[in-house]
PDB file of N, CA and C in Angstrom:
ATOM      1  N   MET A   1     101.146 -18.992 -70.597  1.00  0.00           N
ATOM      2  CA  MET A   1      99.704 -18.944 -70.413  1.00  0.00           C
ATOM      3  C   MET A   1      99.355 -18.968 -68.928  1.00  0.00           C
ATOM      4  N   LYS A   2     100.069 -19.789 -68.213  1.00  0.00           N
ATOM      5  CA  LYS A   2      99.834 -19.887 -66.779  1.00  0.00           C
ATOM      6  C   LYS A   2     100.108 -18.545 -66.098  1.00  0.00           C
ATOM      7  N   TYR A   3     101.154 -17.842 -66.552  1.00  0.00           N
ATOM      8  CA  TYR A   3     101.521 -16.548 -65.989  1.00  0.00           C
ATOM      9  C   TYR A   3     100.404 -15.524 -66.219  1.00  0.00           C
ATOM     10  N   VAL A   4      99.819 -15.513 -67.397  1.00  0.00           N
ATOM     11  CA  VAL A   4      98.732 -14.588 -67.719  1.00  0.00           C
ATOM     12  C   VAL A   4      97.527 -14.860 -66.816  1.00  0.00           C
ATOM     13  N   PHE A   5      97.211 -16.115 -66.620  1.00  0.00           N
ATOM     14  CA  PHE A   5      96.084 -16.475 -65.760  1.00  0.00           C
ATOM     15  C   PHE A   5      96.331 -16.017 -64.328  1.00  0.00           C
ATOM     16  N   VAL A   6      97.527 -16.204 -63.807  1.00  0.00           N
ATOM     17  CA  VAL A   6      97.866 -15.796 -62.441  1.00  0.00           C
ATOM     18  C   VAL A   6      97.764 -14.275 -62.312  1.00  0.00           C
ATOM     19  N   CYS A   7      98.259 -13.538 -63.300  1.00  0.00           N
ATOM     20  CA  CYS A   7      98.183 -12.068 -63.263  1.00  0.00           C
ATOM     21  C   CYS A   7      96.738 -11.597 -63.307  1.00  0.00           C
ATOM     22  N   LEU A   8      95.948 -12.198 -64.174  1.00  0.00           N
ATOM     23  CA  LEU A   8      94.531 -11.832 -64.273  1.00  0.00           C
ATOM     24  C   LEU A   8      93.795 -12.129 -62.971  1.00  0.00           C
ATOM     25  N   ALA A   9      94.060 -13.280 -62.397  1.00  0.00           N
ATOM     26  CA  ALA A   9      93.418 -13.648 -61.137  1.00  0.00           C
ATOM     27  C   ALA A   9      93.812 -12.677 -60.025  1.00  0.00           C
ATOM     28  N   ALA A  10      95.072 -12.280 -59.982  1.00  0.00           N
ATOM     29  CA  ALA A  10      95.536 -11.339 -58.960  1.00  0.00           C
ATOM     30  C   ALA A  10      94.868  -9.983 -59.139  1.00  0.00           C
ATOM     31  N   CYS A  11      94.755  -9.522 -60.379  1.00  0.00           N
ATOM     32  CA  CYS A  11      94.091  -8.240 -60.646  1.00  0.00           C
ATOM     33  C   CYS A  11      92.637  -8.280 -60.188  1.00  0.00           C
ATOM     34  N   LEU A  12      91.938  -9.340 -60.509  1.00  0.00           N
ATOM     35  CA  LEU A  12      90.541  -9.457 -60.102  1.00  0.00           C
ATOM     36  C   LEU A  12      90.409  -9.539 -58.587  1.00  0.00           C
ATOM     37  N   PHE A  13      91.309 -10.247 -57.953  1.00  0.00           N
ATOM     38  CA  PHE A  13      91.267 -10.385 -56.493  1.00  0.00           C
ATOM     39  C   PHE A  13      91.441  -9.035 -55.805  1.00  0.00           C
ATOM     40  N   PHE A  14      92.412  -8.252 -56.267  1.00  0.00           N
ATOM     41  CA  PHE A  14      92.683  -6.975 -55.613  1.00  0.00           C
ATOM     42  C   PHE A  14      91.717  -5.881 -56.043  1.00  0.00           C
ATOM     43  N   ALA A  15      91.124  -5.982 -57.218  1.00  0.00           N
ATOM     44  CA  ALA A  15      90.189  -4.961 -57.689  1.00  0.00           C
ATOM     45  C   ALA A  15      88.779  -5.202 -57.186  1.00  0.00           C
ATOM     46  N   ALA A  16      88.438  -6.405 -56.818  1.00  0.00           N
ATOM     47  CA  ALA A  16      87.065  -6.735 -56.420  1.00  0.00           C
ATOM     48  C   ALA A  16      86.534  -5.869 -55.285  1.00  0.00           C
ATOM     49  N   PRO A  17      87.290  -5.633 -54.206  1.00  0.00           N
ATOM     50  CA  PRO A  17      86.736  -4.787 -53.144  1.00  0.00           C
ATOM     51  C   PRO A  17      86.425  -3.379 -53.622  1.00  0.00           C
ATOM     52  N   ALA A  18      87.270  -2.808 -54.459  1.00  0.00           N
ATOM     53  CA  ALA A  18      87.028  -1.456 -54.968  1.00  0.00           C
ATOM     54  C   ALA A  18      85.808  -1.430 -55.871  1.00  0.00           C
ATOM     55  N   LEU A  19      85.646  -2.458 -56.685  1.00  0.00           N
ATOM     56  CA  LEU A  19      84.501  -2.511 -57.586  1.00  0.00           C
ATOM     57  C   LEU A  19      83.205  -2.759 -56.831  1.00  0.00           C
ATOM     58  N   ALA A  20      83.289  -3.429 -55.703  1.00  0.00           N
ATOM     59  CA  ALA A  20      82.095  -3.774 -54.942  1.00  0.00           C
ATOM     60  C   ALA A  20      81.556  -2.601 -54.132  1.00  0.00           C
ATOM     61  N   GLU A  21      82.361  -1.554 -53.932  1.00  0.00           N
ATOM     62  CA  GLU A  21      81.931  -0.435 -53.110  1.00  0.00           C
ATOM     63  C   GLU A  21      81.046   0.499 -53.923  1.00  0.00           C
ATOM     64  N   GLY A  22      79.778   0.483 -53.600  1.00  0.00           N
ATOM     65  CA  GLY A  22      78.825   1.341 -54.275  1.00  0.00           C
ATOM     66  C   GLY A  22      78.553   2.600 -53.478  1.00  0.00           C
ATOM     67  N   PRO A  23      77.640   3.438 -53.969  1.00  0.00           N
ATOM     68  CA  PRO A  23      77.332   4.697 -53.298  1.00  0.00           C
ATOM     69  C   PRO A  23      76.853   4.526 -51.855  1.00  0.00           C
ATOM     70  N   ALA A  24      76.027   3.526 -51.605  1.00  0.00           N
ATOM     71  CA  ALA A  24      75.546   3.306 -50.241  1.00  0.00           C
ATOM     72  C   ALA A  24      76.701   2.929 -49.320  1.00  0.00           C
ATOM     73  N   ASP A  25      77.654   2.148 -49.835  1.00  0.00           N
ATOM     74  CA  ASP A  25      78.834   1.776 -49.054  1.00  0.00           C
ATOM     75  C   ASP A  25      79.711   2.996 -48.773  1.00  0.00           C
ATOM     76  N   LEU A  26      79.889   3.841 -49.792  1.00  0.00           N
ATOM     77  CA  LEU A  26      80.660   5.071 -49.604  1.00  0.00           C
ATOM     78  C   LEU A  26      80.019   5.954 -48.536  1.00  0.00           C
ATOM     79  N   PHE A  27      78.700   6.079 -48.603  1.00  0.00           N
ATOM     80  CA  PHE A  27      77.987   6.897 -47.625  1.00  0.00           C
ATOM     81  C   PHE A  27      78.148   6.311 -46.225  1.00  0.00           C
ATOM     82  N   ALA A  28      77.958   5.008 -46.104  1.00  0.00           N
ATOM     83  CA  ALA A  28      78.066   4.360 -44.798  1.00  0.00           C
ATOM     84  C   ALA A  28      79.466   4.530 -44.219  1.00  0.00           C
ATOM     85  N   LYS A  29      80.465   4.417 -45.056  1.00  0.00           N
ATOM     86  CA  LYS A  29      81.855   4.490 -44.606  1.00  0.00           C
ATOM     87  C   LYS A  29      82.284   5.922 -44.291  1.00  0.00           C
ATOM     88  N   ASN A  30      81.847   6.887 -45.090  1.00  0.00           N
ATOM     89  CA  ASN A  30      82.374   8.241 -44.984  1.00  0.00           C
ATOM     90  C   ASN A  30      81.436   9.274 -44.367  1.00  0.00           C
ATOM     91  N   CYS A  31      80.140   9.036 -44.387  1.00  0.00           N
ATOM     92  CA  CYS A  31      79.185  10.094 -44.042  1.00  0.00           C
ATOM     93  C   CYS A  31      78.272   9.758 -42.868  1.00  0.00           C
ATOM     94  N   LYS A  32      77.894   8.510 -42.782  1.00  0.00           N
ATOM     95  CA  LYS A  32      76.871   8.072 -41.827  1.00  0.00           C
ATOM     96  C   LYS A  32      77.194   8.456 -40.385  1.00  0.00           C
ATOM     97  N   GLY A  33      78.439   8.370 -39.995  1.00  0.00           N
ATOM     98  CA  GLY A  33      78.820   8.649 -38.625  1.00  0.00           C
ATOM     99  C   GLY A  33      78.424  10.040 -38.156  1.00  0.00           C
ATOM    100  N   CYS A  34      78.571  11.025 -38.993  1.00  0.00           N
ATOM    101  CA  CYS A  34      78.235  12.408 -38.613  1.00  0.00           C
ATOM    102  C   CYS A  34      76.850  12.824 -39.087  1.00  0.00           C
ATOM    103  N   HIS A  35      76.430  12.335 -40.250  1.00  0.00           N
ATOM    104  CA  HIS A  35      75.189  12.806 -40.865  1.00  0.00           C
ATOM    105  C   HIS A  35      74.003  11.862 -40.663  1.00  0.00           C
ATOM    106  N   GLY A  36      74.238  10.697 -40.060  1.00  0.00           N
ATOM    107  CA  GLY A  36      73.165   9.736 -39.823  1.00  0.00           C
ATOM    108  C   GLY A  36      72.905   8.849 -41.020  1.00  0.00           C
ATOM    109  N   ALA A  37      72.308   7.703 -40.774  1.00  0.00           N
ATOM    110  CA  ALA A  37      72.054   6.721 -41.836  1.00  0.00           C
ATOM    111  C   ALA A  37      71.134   7.260 -42.920  1.00  0.00           C
ATOM    112  N   ASP A  38      70.217   8.151 -42.534  1.00  0.00           N
ATOM    113  CA  ASP A  38      69.285   8.707 -43.519  1.00  0.00           C
ATOM    114  C   ASP A  38      69.593  10.163 -43.860  1.00  0.00           C
ATOM    115  N   GLY A  39      70.756  10.656 -43.421  1.00  0.00           N
ATOM    116  CA  GLY A  39      71.158  12.022 -43.745  1.00  0.00           C
ATOM    117  C   GLY A  39      70.398  13.091 -42.982  1.00  0.00           C
ATOM    118  N   SER A  40      69.732  12.714 -41.893  1.00  0.00           N
ATOM    119  CA  SER A  40      68.891  13.673 -41.175  1.00  0.00           C
ATOM    120  C   SER A  40      69.589  14.362 -40.000  1.00  0.00           C
ATOM    121  N   LYS A  41      70.786  13.898 -39.628  1.00  0.00           N
ATOM    122  CA  LYS A  41      71.487  14.496 -38.497  1.00  0.00           C
ATOM    123  C   LYS A  41      72.107  15.835 -38.866  1.00  0.00           C
ATOM    124  N   VAL A  42      72.100  16.754 -37.939  1.00  0.00           N
ATOM    125  CA  VAL A  42      72.797  18.030 -38.084  1.00  0.00           C
ATOM    126  C   VAL A  42      74.209  17.798 -37.550  1.00  0.00           C
ATOM    127  N   ALA A  43      75.145  17.577 -38.443  1.00  0.00           N
ATOM    128  CA  ALA A  43      76.505  17.198 -38.052  1.00  0.00           C
ATOM    129  C   ALA A  43      77.174  18.303 -37.253  1.00  0.00           C
ATOM    130  N   MET A  44      77.655  17.935 -36.075  1.00  0.00           N
ATOM    131  CA  MET A  44      78.379  18.838 -35.185  1.00  0.00           C
ATOM    132  C   MET A  44      77.573  20.110 -34.876  1.00  0.00           C
ATOM    133  N   GLY A  45      76.269  20.028 -35.015  1.00  0.00           N
ATOM    134  CA  GLY A  45      75.407  21.171 -34.743  1.00  0.00           C
ATOM    135  C   GLY A  45      75.602  22.337 -35.680  1.00  0.00           C
ATOM    136  N   MET A  46      76.224  22.085 -36.849  1.00  0.00           N
ATOM    137  CA  MET A  46      76.599  23.183 -37.736  1.00  0.00           C
ATOM    138  C   MET A  46      76.017  23.094 -39.144  1.00  0.00           C
ATOM    139  N   THR A  47      75.499  21.957 -39.536  1.00  0.00           N
ATOM    140  CA  THR A  47      75.104  21.783 -40.931  1.00  0.00           C
ATOM    141  C   THR A  47      73.599  21.657 -41.077  1.00  0.00           C
ATOM    142  N   ARG A  48      73.145  21.816 -42.298  1.00  0.00           N
ATOM    143  CA  ARG A  48      71.771  21.434 -42.616  1.00  0.00           C
ATOM    144  C   ARG A  48      71.776  19.924 -42.806  1.00  0.00           C
ATOM    145  N   PRO A  49      70.665  19.268 -42.514  1.00  0.00           N
ATOM    146  CA  PRO A  49      70.611  17.827 -42.792  1.00  0.00           C
ATOM    147  C   PRO A  49      70.859  17.566 -44.279  1.00  0.00           C
ATOM    148  N   LEU A  50      71.649  16.554 -44.570  1.00  0.00           N
ATOM    149  CA  LEU A  50      71.946  16.239 -45.969  1.00  0.00           C
ATOM    150  C   LEU A  50      70.690  15.914 -46.756  1.00  0.00           C
ATOM    151  N   ASN A  51      69.719  15.273 -46.101  1.00  0.00           N
ATOM    152  CA  ASN A  51      68.519  14.877 -46.836  1.00  0.00           C
ATOM    153  C   ASN A  51      67.617  16.063 -47.171  1.00  0.00           C
ATOM    154  N   SER A  52      68.013  17.278 -46.760  1.00  0.00           N
ATOM    155  CA  SER A  52      67.251  18.473 -47.132  1.00  0.00           C
ATOM    156  C   SER A  52      67.908  19.240 -48.283  1.00  0.00           C
ATOM    157  N   LEU A  53      69.073  18.771 -48.731  1.00  0.00           N
ATOM    158  CA  LEU A  53      69.807  19.457 -49.797  1.00  0.00           C
ATOM    159  C   LEU A  53      69.378  18.948 -51.167  1.00  0.00           C
ATOM    160  N   THR A  54      69.447  19.822 -52.153  1.00  0.00           N
ATOM    161  CA  THR A  54      69.182  19.409 -53.534  1.00  0.00           C
ATOM    162  C   THR A  54      70.429  18.712 -54.088  1.00  0.00           C
ATOM    163  N   LEU A  55      70.251  18.030 -55.190  1.00  0.00           N
ATOM    164  CA  LEU A  55      71.375  17.360 -55.846  1.00  0.00           C
ATOM    165  C   LEU A  55      72.462  18.381 -56.193  1.00  0.00           C
ATOM    166  N   ASP A  56      72.071  19.526 -56.729  1.00  0.00           N
ATOM    167  CA  ASP A  56      73.058  20.547 -57.098  1.00  0.00           C
ATOM    168  C   ASP A  56      73.801  21.084 -55.878  1.00  0.00           C
ATOM    169  N   GLU A  57      73.114  21.234 -54.759  1.00  0.00           N
ATOM    170  CA  GLU A  57      73.769  21.705 -53.533  1.00  0.00           C
ATOM    171  C   GLU A  57      74.785  20.680 -53.034  1.00  0.00           C
ATOM    172  N   VAL A  58      74.426  19.412 -53.095  1.00  0.00           N
ATOM    173  CA  VAL A  58      75.351  18.357 -52.657  1.00  0.00           C
ATOM    174  C   VAL A  58      76.565  18.318 -53.573  1.00  0.00           C
ATOM    175  N   LYS A  59      76.342  18.374 -54.878  1.00  0.00           N
ATOM    176  CA  LYS A  59      77.459  18.356 -55.834  1.00  0.00           C
ATOM    177  C   LYS A  59      78.384  19.541 -55.611  1.00  0.00           C
ATOM    178  N   ALA A  60      77.815  20.727 -55.418  1.00  0.00           N
ATOM    179  CA  ALA A  60      78.621  21.931 -55.201  1.00  0.00           C
ATOM    180  C   ALA A  60      79.431  21.821 -53.917  1.00  0.00           C
ATOM    181  N   ALA A  61      78.811  21.312 -52.865  1.00  0.00           N
ATOM    182  CA  ALA A  61      79.522  21.171 -51.595  1.00  0.00           C
ATOM    183  C   ALA A  61      80.672  20.172 -51.721  1.00  0.00           C
ATOM    184  N   LEU A  62      80.401  19.012 -52.302  1.00  0.00           N
ATOM    185  CA  LEU A  62      81.457  18.004 -52.445  1.00  0.00           C
ATOM    186  C   LEU A  62      82.603  18.511 -53.310  1.00  0.00           C
ATOM    187  N   ALA A  63      82.272  19.163 -54.419  1.00  0.00           N
ATOM    188  CA  ALA A  63      83.317  19.714 -55.297  1.00  0.00           C
ATOM    189  C   ALA A  63      84.108  20.794 -54.567  1.00  0.00           C
ATOM    190  N   GLY A  64      83.419  21.623 -53.810  1.00  0.00           N
ATOM    191  CA  GLY A  64      84.099  22.678 -53.068  1.00  0.00           C
ATOM    192  C   GLY A  64      85.000  22.143 -51.972  1.00  0.00           C
ATOM    193  N   TYR A  65      84.535  21.125 -51.270  1.00  0.00           N
ATOM    194  CA  TYR A  65      85.390  20.513 -50.251  1.00  0.00           C
ATOM    195  C   TYR A  65      86.618  19.887 -50.898  1.00  0.00           C
ATOM    196  N   LYS A  66      86.429  19.243 -52.037  1.00  0.00           N
ATOM    197  CA  LYS A  66      87.559  18.602 -52.727  1.00  0.00           C
ATOM    198  C   LYS A  66      88.594  19.643 -53.163  1.00  0.00           C
ATOM    199  N   SER A  67      88.117  20.801 -53.635  1.00  0.00           N
ATOM    200  CA  SER A  67      89.044  21.833 -54.101  1.00  0.00           C
ATOM    201  C   SER A  67      89.510  22.764 -52.980  1.00  0.00           C
ATOM    202  N   GLY A  68      88.879  22.652 -51.802  1.00  0.00           N
ATOM    203  CA  GLY A  68      89.269  23.492 -50.678  1.00  0.00           C
ATOM    204  C   GLY A  68      88.658  24.882 -50.696  1.00  0.00           C
ATOM    205  N   THR A  69      87.602  25.069 -51.490  1.00  0.00           N
ATOM    206  CA  THR A  69      86.990  26.398 -51.631  1.00  0.00           C
ATOM    207  C   THR A  69      85.637  26.512 -50.942  1.00  0.00           C
ATOM    208  N   TYR A  70      85.222  25.501 -50.216  1.00  0.00           N
ATOM    209  CA  TYR A  70      83.887  25.482 -49.628  1.00  0.00           C
ATOM    210  C   TYR A  70      83.972  25.109 -48.159  1.00  0.00           C
ATOM    211  N   GLY A  71      83.094  25.668 -47.372  1.00  0.00           N
ATOM    212  CA  GLY A  71      82.970  25.245 -45.993  1.00  0.00           C
ATOM    213  C   GLY A  71      83.370  26.304 -44.990  1.00  0.00           C
ATOM    214  N   GLY A  72      82.947  26.074 -43.773  1.00  0.00           N
ATOM    215  CA  GLY A  72      83.220  26.999 -42.678  1.00  0.00           C
ATOM    216  C   GLY A  72      84.415  26.555 -41.859  1.00  0.00           C
ATOM    217  N   GLU A  73      84.351  26.846 -40.578  1.00  0.00           N
ATOM    218  CA  GLU A  73      85.494  26.613 -39.697  1.00  0.00           C
ATOM    219  C   GLU A  73      85.854  25.139 -39.522  1.00  0.00           C
ATOM    220  N   LYS A  74      84.926  24.231 -39.754  1.00  0.00           N
ATOM    221  CA  LYS A  74      85.192  22.799 -39.585  1.00  0.00           C
ATOM    222  C   LYS A  74      85.416  22.093 -40.933  1.00  0.00           C
ATOM    223  N   LYS A  75      85.696  22.865 -41.990  1.00  0.00           N
ATOM    224  CA  LYS A  75      85.791  22.264 -43.316  1.00  0.00           C
ATOM    225  C   LYS A  75      86.940  21.273 -43.469  1.00  0.00           C
ATOM    226  N   ALA A  76      87.963  21.378 -42.646  1.00  0.00           N
ATOM    227  CA  ALA A  76      89.107  20.465 -42.769  1.00  0.00           C
ATOM    228  C   ALA A  76      88.675  19.012 -42.605  1.00  0.00           C
ATOM    229  N   MET A  77      87.686  18.776 -41.766  1.00  0.00           N
ATOM    230  CA  MET A  77      87.200  17.412 -41.565  1.00  0.00           C
ATOM    231  C   MET A  77      86.591  16.875 -42.864  1.00  0.00           C
ATOM    232  N   MET A  78      85.774  17.684 -43.497  1.00  0.00           N
ATOM    233  CA  MET A  78      85.152  17.249 -44.754  1.00  0.00           C
ATOM    234  C   MET A  78      86.189  17.138 -45.876  1.00  0.00           C
ATOM    235  N   GLU A  79      87.139  18.023 -45.899  1.00  0.00           N
ATOM    236  CA  GLU A  79      88.186  17.945 -46.923  1.00  0.00           C
ATOM    237  C   GLU A  79      88.937  16.631 -46.821  1.00  0.00           C
ATOM    238  N   ARG A  80      89.241  16.187 -45.600  1.00  0.00           N
ATOM    239  CA  ARG A  80      89.948  14.902 -45.417  1.00  0.00           C
ATOM    240  C   ARG A  80      89.122  13.735 -45.926  1.00  0.00           C
ATOM    241  N   VAL A  81      87.815  13.830 -45.782  1.00  0.00           N
ATOM    242  CA  VAL A  81      86.932  12.751 -46.231  1.00  0.00           C
ATOM    243  C   VAL A  81      86.817  12.748 -47.751  1.00  0.00           C
ATOM    244  N   VAL A  82      86.682  13.922 -48.352  1.00  0.00           N
ATOM    245  CA  VAL A  82      86.346  14.031 -49.770  1.00  0.00           C
ATOM    246  C   VAL A  82      87.564  13.953 -50.692  1.00  0.00           C
ATOM    247  N   LYS A  83      88.692  14.499 -50.292  1.00  0.00           N
ATOM    248  CA  LYS A  83      89.855  14.569 -51.192  1.00  0.00           C
ATOM    249  C   LYS A  83      90.273  13.235 -51.802  1.00  0.00           C
ATOM    250  N   PRO A  84      90.266  12.122 -51.051  1.00  0.00           N
ATOM    251  CA  PRO A  84      90.695  10.861 -51.673  1.00  0.00           C
ATOM    252  C   PRO A  84      89.678  10.267 -52.649  1.00  0.00           C
ATOM    253  N   LEU A  85      88.468  10.786 -52.677  1.00  0.00           N
ATOM    254  CA  LEU A  85      87.429  10.209 -53.538  1.00  0.00           C
ATOM    255  C   LEU A  85      87.590  10.698 -54.976  1.00  0.00           C
ATOM    256  N   SER A  86      87.293   9.815 -55.914  1.00  0.00           N
ATOM    257  CA  SER A  86      87.354  10.176 -57.330  1.00  0.00           C
ATOM    258  C   SER A  86      86.130  11.003 -57.712  1.00  0.00           C
ATOM    259  N   GLU A  87      86.175  11.598 -58.885  1.00  0.00           N
ATOM    260  CA  GLU A  87      85.020  12.356 -59.382  1.00  0.00           C
ATOM    261  C   GLU A  87      83.808  11.437 -59.536  1.00  0.00           C
ATOM    262  N   ALA A  88      84.052  10.211 -59.980  1.00  0.00           N
ATOM    263  CA  ALA A  88      82.951   9.242 -60.119  1.00  0.00           C
ATOM    264  C   ALA A  88      82.354   8.914 -58.751  1.00  0.00           C
ATOM    265  N   ASP A  89      83.210   8.777 -57.742  1.00  0.00           N
ATOM    266  CA  ASP A  89      82.723   8.530 -56.380  1.00  0.00           C
ATOM    267  C   ASP A  89      81.859   9.694 -55.904  1.00  0.00           C
ATOM    268  N   LEU A  90      82.314  10.914 -56.170  1.00  0.00           N
ATOM    269  CA  LEU A  90      81.570  12.100 -55.738  1.00  0.00           C
ATOM    270  C   LEU A  90      80.209  12.181 -56.428  1.00  0.00           C
ATOM    271  N   GLU A  91      80.169  11.871 -57.705  1.00  0.00           N
ATOM    272  CA  GLU A  91      78.893  11.864 -58.446  1.00  0.00           C
ATOM    273  C   GLU A  91      77.944  10.824 -57.855  1.00  0.00           C
ATOM    274  N   ALA A  92      78.472   9.634 -57.612  1.00  0.00           N
ATOM    275  CA  ALA A  92      77.648   8.557 -57.062  1.00  0.00           C
ATOM    276  C   ALA A  92      77.177   8.903 -55.654  1.00  0.00           C
ATOM    277  N   LEU A  93      78.051   9.481 -54.863  1.00  0.00           N
ATOM    278  CA  LEU A  93      77.707   9.865 -53.500  1.00  0.00           C
ATOM    279  C   LEU A  93      76.643  10.956 -53.497  1.00  0.00           C
ATOM    280  N   ALA A  94      76.772  11.930 -54.380  1.00  0.00           N
ATOM    281  CA  ALA A  94      75.776  13.003 -54.489  1.00  0.00           C
ATOM    282  C   ALA A  94      74.416  12.426 -54.870  1.00  0.00           C
ATOM    283  N   ALA A  95      74.407  11.517 -55.818  1.00  0.00           N
ATOM    284  CA  ALA A  95      73.137  10.883 -56.231  1.00  0.00           C
ATOM    285  C   ALA A  95      72.530  10.092 -55.080  1.00  0.00           C
ATOM    286  N   HIS A  96      73.377   9.420 -54.303  1.00  0.00           N
ATOM    287  CA  HIS A  96      72.867   8.659 -53.161  1.00  0.00           C
ATOM    288  C   HIS A  96      72.264   9.603 -52.120  1.00  0.00           C
ATOM    289  N   VAL A  97      72.952  10.688 -51.802  1.00  0.00           N
ATOM    290  CA  VAL A  97      72.434  11.653 -50.833  1.00  0.00           C
ATOM    291  C   VAL A  97      71.122  12.224 -51.330  1.00  0.00           C
ATOM    292  N   ASP A  98      71.025  12.476 -52.619  1.00  0.00           N
ATOM    293  CA  ASP A  98      69.786  13.014 -53.196  1.00  0.00           C
ATOM    294  C   ASP A  98      68.632  12.021 -53.066  1.00  0.00           C
ATOM    295  N   SER A  99      68.944  10.746 -52.949  1.00  0.00           N
ATOM    296  CA  SER A  99      67.897   9.714 -52.846  1.00  0.00           C
ATOM    297  C   SER A  99      67.438   9.482 -51.405  1.00  0.00           C
ATOM    298  N   LEU A 100      68.114  10.101 -50.449  1.00  0.00           N
ATOM    299  CA  LEU A 100      67.764   9.883 -49.036  1.00  0.00           C
ATOM    300  C   LEU A 100      66.437  10.523 -48.682  1.00  0.00           C
TER     301      LEU A 100
END
């Protein structure tokens, strides 16, 4: 019984940071630096502001970056950011960008 409790406690301890990261945290960690806190920055002088995109445009861009089928000459930067994210993360991130 003691072993089960220790395993459960360890799982909760290591999973808590991942569970605590919401869409706003994902945006702050992955997007804010180039796109601004409110999504209004023109990243690297090449993009439209994120806060001007529709939900469908954001979803299409994120999916395309993840699959490597979207973007211009600087797409490698976005691919590095998006590839490690799960589909659920991408959905949540798109919804957050749509709320900006």
